[in-house]
């Protein structure tokens, strides 16, 4: 069984017997049809491996790294020197040091390829032009730039330094425009910003971030997982069903992929909203864990890597996220906000959440019409609400400790209500006051979803809708919430909640053999209370 890759260098795949999910047909079409391209993707989605693959093909050809790939007998490009600039390697806090390191990369490239008579300069935009002018007539290079926006995203809360980096980077890209010495140029990043000349009017770089033809060039498709990771799928099924891998059926595999899809699929980078991909990082870690732990656990890996990327952390330090919008399954964004974000300083927060991978495309992109965004899957939804929990709650409080992991799934009603009161006690009431039932419901939803529980809010049945449903394999918990700020109203509110559960039959639909725990709750929002003061388990006998 081949190993799952832990490298962004295509040469390691052959040397280390790694699985390579063959994306070379996309790369062939990309390099045949375009000369200058940009594509944005969230962190750890495979941008760097894609650039490295392009660079290896241009610099070394198909031997020996591309045997048994689609491109092996089709690649007919000449070899070219490759200047690969990874902006993650350069300073994000010192402009002069950034310029120095970037210039060193250009000097080293010139030396390695015997480009003589290069005029020295401390400005990268001047030095790169000097490099082109020092090259021999007819000589061309391939230029690859990874994480072009690293310095910008790091300085979202430092407008002065942000502008300095922006101007430097803008000048650098402007110097590349139309240069005949560039055979092929590819740029990647997380964000797409119009205040950098790469996307300005007159730029000769094609933005393929949401191009239908290349929407699955980065990320895994279901068919690719089934083809390249079949041994891992069979191993996982064999552990779950206690059977030999040879006894695994095609239907077993499809059911297993369905569960993987619910957890890790549905990122969309297709302007037609037709093609979707799995998170490469999450799939690789999930499958590696099957081998290591000899069991199947659908873990949450997105937060570990996308977690709180500096761009989003810095944004949250100076902005409040719109919780009400994020709690909806779909968010409509003005077309221009989505297509033409100008600067990180004033970017639409939901566009930023999309570019960092917390939201994804949920509609076609049609000029003049709003664009719909939403969470891709359960894993990233949990990561999104864990992110919100960090903003809303004091997550060092006992409610967020590991000892409470199974309270809602296995604990009694007293323990469950005690946990919810601990959660609400950890709330920053100055920023997020609880003045009504909808706010109370939303805040508890943030907590529950951040723990990756299967939560349904205002779940409809034929008679009405319950406030919160939490589903587990062997239990379903129903919460009917009422709000008051007066002690004298608490008993009546509790009766109202109880009667509503009984009359509407909340939680009975598709219950199966699960235990049903229906809890009527009253939250007193008075400053001296701020907790669930009365609750009752509904007796269905």
Protein backbone atom coordinates (compact mmCIF):
# COMPACT_ATOMS: atom_id res chain seq x y z
CA UNK A 1 0.00 0.00 0.00
CA UNK A 2 1.49 3.32 -1.07
CA UNK A 3 2.01 6.01 1.54
CA UNK A 4 -0.01 9.20 1.82
CA UNK A 5 2.11 12.19 0.88
CA UNK A 6 3.55 14.60 3.42
CA UNK A 7 5.38 16.75 0.89
CA UNK A 8 4.76 19.64 -1.48
CA UNK A 9 7.63 18.53 -3.75
CA UNK A 10 6.65 16.25 -6.63
CA UNK A 11 10.12 14.66 -6.65
CA UNK A 12 9.45 13.19 -3.20
CA UNK A 13 6.46 11.25 -4.52
CA UNK A 14 8.67 8.96 -6.56
CA UNK A 15 11.48 8.74 -4.02
CA UNK A 16 9.16 7.97 -1.09
CA UNK A 17 6.52 5.82 -2.83
CA UNK A 18 3.78 8.38 -2.13
CA UNK A 19 0.31 8.34 -3.66
CA UNK A 20 0.08 11.01 -6.36
CA UNK A 21 -3.44 12.04 -7.29
CA UNK A 22 -2.88 12.71 -10.97
CA UNK A 23 -3.75 16.32 -11.84
CA UNK A 24 -1.43 16.54 -14.83
CA UNK A 25 -4.18 16.79 -17.45
CA UNK A 26 -5.29 20.06 -15.84
CA UNK A 27 -1.71 21.30 -15.80
CA UNK A 28 -1.21 20.36 -19.45
CA UNK A 29 -4.33 22.31 -20.47
CA UNK A 30 -3.36 25.21 -18.22
CA UNK A 31 0.10 25.63 -19.73
CA UNK A 32 -1.16 25.10 -23.28
CA UNK A 33 -3.98 27.64 -23.11
CA UNK A 34 -2.61 30.37 -20.83
CA UNK A 35 0.64 32.26 -20.36
CA UNK A 36 -0.13 34.11 -17.12
CA UNK A 37 -2.53 32.79 -14.48
CA UNK A 38 -3.65 33.34 -10.91
CA UNK A 39 -5.73 31.10 -8.69
CA UNK A 40 -6.72 31.50 -5.05
CA UNK A 41 -7.44 28.67 -2.63
CA UNK A 42 -7.51 28.33 1.18
CA UNK A 43 -4.41 27.18 3.01
CA UNK A 44 -3.22 23.56 2.65
CA UNK A 45 -5.45 22.86 -0.32
CA UNK A 46 -2.61 21.93 -2.67
CA UNK A 47 -1.53 25.22 -4.24
CA UNK A 48 2.16 24.72 -3.50
CA UNK A 49 2.25 21.16 -4.86
CA UNK A 50 0.52 22.40 -8.02
CA UNK A 51 3.14 25.10 -8.55
CA UNK A 52 5.93 22.66 -7.79
CA UNK A 53 4.53 20.22 -10.36
CA UNK A 54 4.39 22.97 -13.00
CA UNK A 55 7.95 24.01 -12.18
CA UNK A 56 9.29 20.45 -12.33
CA UNK A 57 7.71 19.84 -15.72
CA UNK A 58 9.19 23.01 -17.20
CA UNK A 59 12.61 22.60 -15.61
CA UNK A 60 13.17 18.81 -15.80
CA UNK A 61 10.53 17.38 -18.11
CA UNK A 62 8.60 14.18 -17.47
CA UNK A 63 11.50 11.86 -16.63
CA UNK A 64 11.52 10.25 -14.13
CA UNK A 65 8.83 11.87 -11.98
CA UNK A 66 5.77 11.58 -14.22
CA UNK A 67 5.78 7.98 -15.33
CA UNK A 68 2.29 6.46 -15.21
CA UNK A 69 0.66 9.92 -15.18
CA UNK A 70 -1.65 11.31 -17.85
CA UNK A 71 0.92 13.82 -19.08
CA UNK A 72 3.84 11.42 -19.53
CA UNK A 73 3.55 10.88 -23.28
CA UNK A 74 1.96 14.25 -24.07
CA UNK A 75 4.25 16.90 -22.58
CA UNK A 76 6.22 18.50 -25.42
CA UNK A 77 7.40 21.77 -23.90
CA UNK A 78 11.05 22.76 -23.97
CA UNK A 79 12.94 23.09 -20.70
CA UNK A 80 13.17 26.51 -19.04
CA UNK A 81 14.80 27.93 -15.92
CA UNK A 82 12.23 28.30 -13.14
CA UNK A 83 12.27 31.21 -10.70
CA UNK A 84 10.08 30.06 -7.79
CA UNK A 85 9.35 32.76 -5.21
CA UNK A 86 7.53 31.70 -2.04
CA UNK A 87 6.45 34.82 -0.17
CA UNK A 88 5.96 32.76 3.01
CA UNK A 89 9.76 32.74 3.27
CA UNK A 90 10.00 36.54 3.43
CA UNK A 91 9.46 38.98 6.28
CA UNK A 92 5.92 40.14 7.01
CA UNK A 93 6.89 42.79 9.55
CA UNK A 94 9.89 44.59 8.02
CA UNK A 95 9.58 45.99 4.50
CA UNK A 96 13.31 46.51 4.06
CA UNK A 97 14.01 42.91 5.09
CA UNK A 98 11.27 41.69 2.75
CA UNK A 99 12.88 43.54 -0.14
CA UNK A 100 16.34 42.25 0.80
CA UNK A 101 15.26 38.61 0.90
CA UNK A 102 13.28 38.87 -2.32
CA UNK A 103 16.26 40.43 -4.08
CA UNK A 104 18.55 37.68 -2.76
CA UNK A 105 16.24 35.09 -4.37
CA UNK A 106 16.56 36.88 -7.71
CA UNK A 107 20.36 37.19 -7.40
CA UNK A 108 20.70 33.50 -6.58
CA UNK A 109 18.56 32.55 -9.57
CA UNK A 110 20.70 34.69 -11.87
CA UNK A 111 23.89 33.15 -10.50
CA UNK A 112 22.58 29.58 -10.80
CA UNK A 113 21.67 30.14 -14.44
CA UNK A 114 24.77 32.15 -15.34
CA UNK A 115 22.88 35.34 -16.13
CA UNK A 116 25.71 37.84 -16.07
CA UNK A 117 25.82 41.65 -16.11
CA UNK A 118 22.85 41.87 -13.78
CA UNK A 119 22.70 45.43 -12.45
CA UNK A 120 22.23 45.43 -8.71
CA UNK A 121 19.33 47.23 -7.03
CA UNK A 122 17.55 47.17 -3.67
CA UNK A 123 14.08 47.53 -5.19
CA UNK A 124 12.62 44.16 -6.30
CA UNK A 125 10.59 45.85 -9.05
CA UNK A 126 13.77 47.35 -10.53
CA UNK A 127 15.88 44.22 -10.02
CA UNK A 128 13.44 41.92 -11.80
CA UNK A 129 13.50 44.23 -14.83
CA UNK A 130 17.30 44.28 -14.67
CA UNK A 131 17.21 40.46 -14.68
CA UNK A 132 15.14 40.42 -17.86
CA UNK A 133 17.45 42.93 -19.53
CA UNK A 134 20.53 40.87 -18.59
CA UNK A 135 19.13 37.73 -20.17
CA UNK A 136 20.26 36.70 -23.62
CA UNK A 137 18.05 37.44 -26.61
CA UNK A 138 15.40 34.75 -26.89
CA UNK A 139 16.05 33.41 -23.40
CA UNK A 140 12.88 32.91 -21.35
CA UNK A 141 12.02 31.76 -17.84
CA UNK A 142 9.07 30.35 -15.93
CA UNK A 143 8.07 32.49 -12.94
CA UNK A 144 6.08 30.96 -10.08
CA UNK A 145 4.93 33.04 -7.10
CA UNK A 146 3.41 31.24 -4.12
CA UNK A 147 1.29 32.98 -1.42
CA UNK A 148 1.64 36.40 -3.05
CA UNK A 149 -0.58 38.03 -0.38
CA UNK A 150 1.23 36.73 2.72
CA UNK A 151 2.61 40.16 3.69
CA UNK A 152 -0.77 41.82 3.14
CA UNK A 153 -2.79 39.35 5.18
CA UNK A 154 -0.32 39.64 8.06
CA UNK A 155 -0.85 43.41 8.27
CA UNK A 156 -4.61 43.78 8.06
CA UNK A 157 -4.54 45.65 11.40
CA UNK A 158 -1.55 47.81 10.51
CA UNK A 159 -2.80 50.10 7.70
CA UNK A 160 0.49 51.98 7.33
CA UNK A 161 2.62 48.84 6.90
CA UNK A 162 -0.10 47.24 4.81
CA UNK A 163 0.08 50.16 2.38
CA UNK A 164 3.88 49.98 2.24
CA UNK A 165 3.82 46.28 1.36
CA UNK A 166 0.92 46.80 -1.03
CA UNK A 167 2.80 49.48 -2.96
CA UNK A 168 5.98 47.38 -3.12
CA UNK A 169 4.12 44.27 -4.30
CA UNK A 170 2.03 46.27 -6.76
CA UNK A 171 5.17 47.76 -8.29
CA UNK A 172 6.71 44.30 -8.55
CA UNK A 173 3.75 42.87 -10.46
CA UNK A 174 3.50 45.94 -12.65
CA UNK A 175 7.12 45.32 -13.68
CA UNK A 176 6.16 41.84 -14.93
CA UNK A 177 3.43 43.03 -17.27
CA UNK A 178 4.03 42.15 -20.90
CA UNK A 179 7.60 40.97 -20.43
CA UNK A 180 8.54 38.70 -23.33
CA UNK A 181 11.17 36.99 -21.18
CA UNK A 182 8.40 35.22 -19.22
CA UNK A 183 7.39 31.94 -20.87
CA UNK A 184 4.80 31.16 -18.20
CA UNK A 185 3.71 32.91 -14.98
CA UNK A 186 1.57 31.41 -12.22
CA UNK A 187 0.63 33.19 -9.00
CA UNK A 188 -1.25 31.75 -6.01
CA UNK A 189 -2.65 33.19 -2.82
CA UNK A 190 -5.57 33.12 -0.43
CA UNK A 191 -7.13 36.46 -1.35
CA UNK A 192 -8.01 38.28 -4.58
CA UNK A 193 -7.48 42.01 -4.09
CA UNK A 194 -7.98 44.72 -6.68
CA UNK A 195 -5.57 47.12 -4.97
CA UNK A 196 -2.69 44.95 -6.16
CA UNK A 197 -1.94 45.49 -9.86
CA UNK A 198 -2.15 41.75 -10.55
CA UNK A 199 -5.94 42.24 -10.79
CA UNK A 200 -6.11 45.85 -11.99
CA UNK A 201 -7.54 46.97 -15.28
CA UNK A 202 -5.06 46.15 -18.03
CA UNK A 203 -3.40 43.29 -16.16
CA UNK A 204 -2.41 40.42 -18.43
CA UNK A 205 -2.86 37.80 -15.70
CA UNK A 206 -5.94 35.55 -16.00
CA UNK A 207 -7.75 34.95 -12.72
CA UNK A 208 -8.87 31.30 -12.81
CA UNK A 209 -9.96 31.08 -9.16
CA UNK A 210 -13.56 30.19 -10.10
CA UNK A 211 -13.00 28.94 -13.62
CA UNK A 212 -15.17 25.92 -14.41
CA UNK A 213 -12.49 24.12 -16.44
CA UNK A 214 -9.92 24.26 -13.62
CA UNK A 215 -12.25 24.11 -10.60
CA UNK A 216 -11.06 20.59 -9.69
CA UNK A 217 -7.36 21.08 -10.43
CA UNK A 218 -6.78 21.59 -6.71
CA UNK A 219 -8.64 19.40 -4.19
CA UNK A 220 -9.80 15.77 -4.53
CA UNK A 221 -12.87 14.55 -6.37
CA UNK A 222 -14.88 11.57 -5.19
CA UNK A 223 -13.70 9.51 -8.15
CA UNK A 224 -10.05 10.40 -7.45
CA UNK A 225 -10.36 9.24 -3.84
CA UNK A 226 -11.96 6.00 -4.98
CA UNK A 227 -9.23 5.42 -7.56
CA UNK A 228 -6.06 6.43 -5.71
CA UNK A 229 -7.03 5.65 -2.10
CA UNK A 230 -9.02 2.45 -2.59
CA UNK A 231 -6.75 0.42 -0.28
CA UNK A 232 -7.33 2.91 2.53
CA UNK A 233 -11.10 2.88 1.99
CA UNK A 234 -11.21 -0.90 2.13
CA UNK A 235 -9.05 -0.93 5.25
CA UNK A 236 -11.37 1.50 7.04
CA UNK A 237 -14.45 -0.51 6.10
CA UNK A 238 -12.78 -3.74 7.23
CA UNK A 239 -12.12 -2.22 10.68
CA UNK A 240 -15.69 -0.98 11.02
CA UNK A 241 -17.38 -4.18 9.82
CA UNK A 242 -14.79 -6.61 11.20
CA UNK A 243 -14.28 -8.25 7.82
CA UNK A 244 -11.36 -8.89 5.49
CA UNK A 245 -10.56 -6.21 2.94
CA UNK A 246 -11.29 -8.75 0.19
CA UNK A 247 -14.88 -8.99 1.46
CA UNK A 248 -15.55 -5.25 1.07
CA UNK A 249 -18.23 -4.63 -1.56
CA UNK A 250 -18.70 -1.80 -4.04
CA UNK A 251 -21.77 -0.74 -2.07
CA UNK A 252 -19.69 -0.61 1.14
CA UNK A 253 -17.26 1.73 -0.59
CA UNK A 254 -19.99 4.05 -1.86
CA UNK A 255 -21.58 4.27 1.60
CA UNK A 256 -18.19 5.02 3.16
CA UNK A 257 -17.57 7.76 0.57
CA UNK A 258 -21.00 9.21 1.32
CA UNK A 259 -19.99 9.63 4.96
CA UNK A 260 -16.65 11.11 3.97
CA UNK A 261 -18.46 13.55 1.68
CA UNK A 262 -20.74 14.77 4.45
CA UNK A 263 -17.66 15.54 6.53
CA UNK A 264 -15.05 16.75 3.99
CA UNK A 265 -16.63 17.41 0.54
CA UNK A 266 -18.49 20.24 -1.25
CA UNK A 267 -15.91 23.00 -1.55
CA UNK A 268 -16.86 24.73 -4.78
CA UNK A 269 -14.57 26.84 -6.98
CA UNK A 270 -16.76 26.54 -10.09
CA UNK A 271 -18.52 29.62 -11.47
CA UNK A 272 -21.32 27.33 -12.72
CA UNK A 273 -21.67 25.70 -9.28
CA UNK A 274 -21.44 22.20 -10.74
CA UNK A 275 -18.10 20.73 -9.66
CA UNK A 276 -17.01 20.30 -6.07
CA UNK A 277 -13.95 18.93 -4.28
CA UNK A 278 -12.92 17.39 -0.98
CA UNK A 279 -10.36 19.08 1.28
CA UNK A 280 -7.04 17.41 0.45
CA UNK A 281 -5.59 18.01 3.90
CA UNK A 282 -8.60 16.59 5.74
CA UNK A 283 -8.90 13.51 3.52
CA UNK A 284 -5.20 12.70 3.83
CA UNK A 285 -5.25 13.04 7.61
CA UNK A 286 -8.47 11.06 7.97
CA UNK A 287 -7.11 8.16 5.92
CA UNK A 288 -3.69 8.22 7.62
CA UNK A 289 -5.44 8.02 11.00
CA UNK A 290 -7.22 4.83 9.92
CA UNK A 291 -3.85 3.11 9.45
CA UNK A 292 -2.29 4.57 12.57
CA UNK A 293 -5.21 4.01 14.97
CA UNK A 294 -6.71 0.90 13.34
CA UNK A 295 -10.18 2.42 13.54
CA UNK A 296 -12.38 4.93 11.71
CA UNK A 297 -12.86 8.32 13.36
CA UNK A 298 -14.21 11.21 11.32
CA UNK A 299 -11.94 13.78 12.91
CA UNK A 300 -11.96 17.55 12.50
CA UNK A 301 -8.73 18.53 10.79
CA UNK A 302 -9.70 21.79 9.11
CA UNK A 303 -9.40 23.90 12.26
CA UNK A 304 -5.97 22.44 12.98
CA UNK A 305 -4.69 23.84 9.70
CA UNK A 306 -7.03 26.62 8.61
CA UNK A 307 -7.85 27.12 12.23
CA UNK A 308 -7.35 30.74 12.94
CA UNK A 309 -5.22 31.86 10.01
CA UNK A 310 -3.45 35.15 10.67
CA UNK A 311 -5.59 36.97 8.13
CA UNK A 312 -8.81 36.01 9.94
CA UNK A 313 -7.39 36.41 13.44
CA UNK A 314 -6.18 39.89 12.61
CA UNK A 315 -9.53 40.77 11.06
CA UNK A 316 -11.42 39.52 14.13
CA UNK A 317 -9.23 41.58 16.42
CA UNK A 318 -10.64 44.76 14.90
CA UNK A 319 -14.05 43.64 13.58
CA UNK A 320 -17.11 41.88 14.97
CA UNK A 321 -18.38 39.03 12.82
CA UNK A 322 -22.08 39.08 11.97
CA UNK A 323 -23.26 36.05 13.93
CA UNK A 324 -26.85 36.16 12.66
CA UNK A 325 -25.66 35.86 9.05
CA UNK A 326 -23.18 33.10 9.81
CA UNK A 327 -25.88 31.10 11.59
CA UNK A 328 -27.88 30.90 8.38
CA UNK A 329 -27.07 28.09 5.97
CA UNK A 330 -26.74 30.50 3.04
CA UNK A 331 -25.54 34.11 2.85
CA UNK A 332 -26.17 36.39 -0.15
CA UNK A 333 -23.24 38.64 -1.12
CA UNK A 334 -23.40 41.51 -3.63
CA UNK A 335 -21.75 40.46 -6.90
CA UNK A 336 -19.21 43.27 -6.88
CA UNK A 337 -18.19 42.59 -3.28
CA UNK A 338 -17.42 39.01 -4.22
CA UNK A 339 -15.72 39.57 -7.57
CA UNK A 340 -13.89 42.83 -6.86
CA UNK A 341 -12.74 43.03 -3.23
CA UNK A 342 -10.45 46.06 -3.22
CA UNK A 343 -8.49 45.81 0.00
CA UNK A 344 -8.30 43.64 3.11
CA UNK A 345 -8.94 46.74 5.20
CA UNK A 346 -12.56 47.03 4.05
CA UNK A 347 -13.30 43.58 2.58
CA UNK A 348 -16.78 42.11 3.06
CA UNK A 349 -16.34 39.78 6.04
CA UNK A 350 -18.18 36.91 4.35
CA UNK A 351 -16.00 37.20 1.25
CA UNK A 352 -12.99 36.95 3.56
CA UNK A 353 -14.53 33.90 5.24
CA UNK A 354 -14.95 32.37 1.78
CA UNK A 355 -11.40 33.08 0.68
CA UNK A 356 -10.04 31.52 3.87
CA UNK A 357 -12.21 28.42 3.39
CA UNK A 358 -14.82 28.86 6.12
CA UNK A 359 -17.53 29.51 3.54
CA UNK A 360 -17.76 28.31 -0.04
CA UNK A 361 -19.74 28.96 -3.19
CA UNK A 362 -23.39 27.86 -3.04
CA UNK A 363 -24.64 29.34 -6.31
CA UNK A 364 -23.62 30.23 -9.83
CA UNK A 365 -21.64 33.43 -10.34
CA UNK A 366 -23.69 35.60 -12.68
CA UNK A 367 -22.81 39.22 -13.37
CA UNK A 368 -25.16 41.64 -11.66
CA UNK A 369 -26.71 39.04 -9.33
CA UNK A 370 -25.86 38.28 -5.72
CA UNK A 371 -23.55 35.36 -4.95
CA UNK A 372 -24.60 32.81 -2.33
CA UNK A 373 -22.09 31.45 0.19
CA UNK A 374 -22.30 28.87 2.98
CA UNK A 375 -20.27 26.27 4.90
CA UNK A 376 -19.04 23.40 2.72
CA UNK A 377 -19.51 20.48 5.10
CA UNK A 378 -19.81 19.39 8.72
CA UNK A 379 -16.09 19.66 9.43
CA UNK A 380 -15.73 23.23 8.28
CA UNK A 381 -19.06 24.19 9.85
CA UNK A 382 -17.73 22.97 13.21
CA UNK A 383 -14.51 24.92 12.59
CA UNK A 384 -16.51 28.04 11.76
CA UNK A 385 -18.48 27.86 14.99
CA UNK A 386 -15.42 27.00 17.02
CA UNK A 387 -13.96 30.17 15.56
CA UNK A 388 -17.06 32.09 16.65
CA UNK A 389 -16.83 30.51 20.11
CA UNK A 390 -13.37 32.01 20.52
CA UNK A 391 -14.83 35.40 19.71
CA UNK A 392 -17.94 35.12 21.87
CA UNK A 393 -17.00 33.02 24.89
CA UNK A 394 -14.19 32.71 27.39
CA UNK A 395 -13.13 29.30 26.15
CA UNK A 396 -10.90 28.73 29.18
CA UNK A 397 -14.09 28.28 31.22
CA UNK A 398 -14.97 24.79 32.54
CA UNK A 399 -17.78 24.40 29.98
CA UNK A 400 -15.15 24.04 27.26
CA UNK A 401 -13.13 21.39 29.10
CA UNK A 402 -12.74 17.81 27.92
CA UNK A 403 -14.65 16.48 30.94
CA UNK A 404 -17.84 17.87 29.42
CA UNK A 405 -17.37 16.14 26.06
CA UNK A 406 -20.20 13.60 26.53
CA UNK A 407 -22.52 15.49 28.90
CA UNK A 408 -25.23 16.19 26.30
CA UNK A 409 -24.96 12.75 24.70
CA UNK A 410 -24.89 10.70 27.91
CA UNK A 411 -25.53 12.97 30.93
CA UNK A 412 -28.76 13.54 32.84
CA UNK A 413 -30.89 16.66 32.54
CA UNK A 414 -29.37 18.36 35.60
CA UNK A 415 -25.89 17.90 34.12
CA UNK A 416 -27.00 19.21 30.73
CA UNK A 417 -28.58 22.36 32.16
CA UNK A 418 -25.56 22.92 34.39
CA UNK A 419 -23.33 22.73 31.31
CA UNK A 420 -25.47 25.25 29.41
CA UNK A 421 -25.35 27.63 32.36
CA UNK A 422 -21.56 27.33 32.44
CA UNK A 423 -21.52 28.15 28.73
CA UNK A 424 -23.72 31.19 29.21
CA UNK A 425 -21.61 32.31 32.17
CA UNK A 426 -18.58 32.35 29.85
CA UNK A 427 -20.31 34.83 27.54
CA UNK A 428 -19.10 38.41 27.09
CA UNK A 429 -22.44 40.11 27.80
CA UNK A 430 -21.07 43.56 27.04
CA UNK A 431 -20.50 42.57 23.41
CA UNK A 432 -23.23 39.96 23.08
CA UNK A 433 -26.18 40.81 25.37
CA UNK A 434 -28.94 38.22 25.63
CA UNK A 435 -32.21 40.11 25.41
CA UNK A 436 -34.51 37.65 23.65
CA UNK A 437 -35.06 34.00 22.77
CA UNK A 438 -33.52 34.23 19.29
CA UNK A 439 -30.21 35.52 20.68
CA UNK A 440 -30.20 32.85 23.38
CA UNK A 441 -30.87 30.16 20.78
CA UNK A 442 -28.14 31.51 18.48
CA UNK A 443 -25.49 31.56 21.20
CA UNK A 444 -26.22 28.01 22.32
CA UNK A 445 -26.13 26.98 18.67
CA UNK A 446 -22.65 28.50 18.28
CA UNK A 447 -21.43 26.44 21.24
CA UNK A 448 -23.03 23.19 20.08
CA UNK A 449 -21.91 23.46 16.47
CA UNK A 450 -18.41 24.40 17.59
CA UNK A 451 -18.34 20.98 19.27
CA UNK A 452 -19.42 19.41 15.95
CA UNK A 453 -22.73 18.15 17.31
CA UNK A 454 -25.49 17.37 14.83
CA UNK A 455 -27.60 20.42 15.63
CA UNK A 456 -30.89 21.46 14.06
CA UNK A 457 -32.31 24.85 15.01
CA UNK A 458 -35.99 25.64 14.63
CA UNK A 459 -36.52 22.15 13.15
CA UNK A 460 -39.89 22.01 11.38
CA UNK A 461 -42.41 19.21 11.65
CA UNK A 462 -46.02 19.10 10.52
CA UNK A 463 -47.20 20.99 13.63
CA UNK A 464 -44.49 23.59 14.20
CA UNK A 465 -40.80 24.01 14.88
CA UNK A 466 -38.65 23.26 17.91
CA UNK A 467 -35.91 25.63 19.08
CA UNK A 468 -32.94 23.24 19.15
CA UNK A 469 -32.55 19.54 18.33
CA UNK A 470 -29.26 17.75 19.03
CA UNK A 471 -28.97 14.29 17.46
CA UNK A 472 -26.71 11.49 18.64
CA UNK A 473 -26.65 7.83 17.57
CA UNK A 474 -28.58 6.73 20.66
CA UNK A 475 -30.18 9.95 21.91
CA UNK A 476 -32.04 12.99 20.69
CA UNK A 477 -32.17 16.10 22.89
CA UNK A 478 -34.90 18.71 22.39
CA UNK A 479 -34.57 22.19 23.91
CA UNK A 480 -37.54 24.54 23.96
CA UNK A 481 -36.26 27.91 25.19
CA UNK A 482 -38.19 30.77 26.73
CA UNK A 483 -36.81 34.16 27.78
CA UNK A 484 -37.83 36.53 30.54
CA UNK A 485 -36.16 39.08 32.76
CA UNK A 486 -38.76 38.83 35.53
CA UNK A 487 -38.84 36.14 38.20
CA UNK A 488 -42.65 36.31 38.42
CA UNK A 489 -42.95 35.21 34.78
CA UNK A 490 -40.68 32.16 35.02
CA UNK A 491 -43.31 29.56 36.00
CA UNK A 492 -45.74 30.61 33.28
CA UNK A 493 -42.93 30.57 30.70
CA UNK A 494 -41.95 27.06 31.78
CA UNK A 495 -45.54 25.83 31.41
CA UNK A 496 -45.70 27.49 27.99
CA UNK A 497 -42.51 25.73 26.86
CA UNK A 498 -43.68 22.35 28.21
CA UNK A 499 -47.10 22.61 26.57
CA UNK A 500 -45.50 23.59 23.28
CA UNK A 501 -43.32 20.48 23.29
CA UNK A 502 -46.29 18.23 24.10
CA UNK A 503 -48.73 19.79 21.65
CA UNK A 504 -46.28 20.04 18.76
CA UNK A 505 -44.68 16.65 19.31
CA UNK A 506 -41.16 18.01 18.93
CA UNK A 507 -38.50 15.39 18.20
CA UNK A 508 -40.82 12.48 17.42
CA UNK A 509 -40.23 12.47 13.65
CA UNK A 510 -37.75 9.82 12.44
CA UNK A 511 -36.75 9.08 16.03
CA UNK A 512 -36.03 5.40 15.46
CA UNK A 513 -34.84 3.59 18.58
CA UNK A 514 -33.11 6.65 20.06
CA UNK A 515 -33.86 7.93 23.55
CA UNK A 516 -35.84 11.18 23.38
CA UNK A 517 -35.01 13.82 25.97
CA UNK A 518 -37.39 16.81 25.74
CA UNK A 519 -36.42 19.72 27.99
CA UNK A 520 -38.42 22.90 28.58
CA UNK A 521 -36.15 25.76 29.73
CA UNK A 522 -36.55 29.31 30.98
CA UNK A 523 -33.63 31.74 30.80
CA UNK A 524 -33.78 34.82 33.03
CA UNK A 525 -31.83 37.63 31.38
CA UNK A 526 -31.83 39.96 34.37
CA UNK A 527 -28.28 41.12 35.20
CA UNK A 528 -28.49 39.40 38.58
CA UNK A 529 -29.47 36.06 36.98
CA UNK A 530 -28.32 35.45 33.39
CA UNK A 531 -28.89 31.73 33.53
CA UNK A 532 -31.47 29.01 32.95
CA UNK A 533 -33.41 29.36 36.17
CA UNK A 534 -36.18 26.82 35.58
CA UNK A 535 -36.31 23.64 33.50
CA UNK A 536 -38.37 20.50 33.26
CA UNK A 537 -38.15 17.20 31.44
CA UNK A 538 -41.35 16.48 29.54
CA UNK A 539 -42.97 13.19 30.53
CA UNK A 540 -44.42 11.48 27.45
CA UNK A 541 -45.95 8.54 29.30
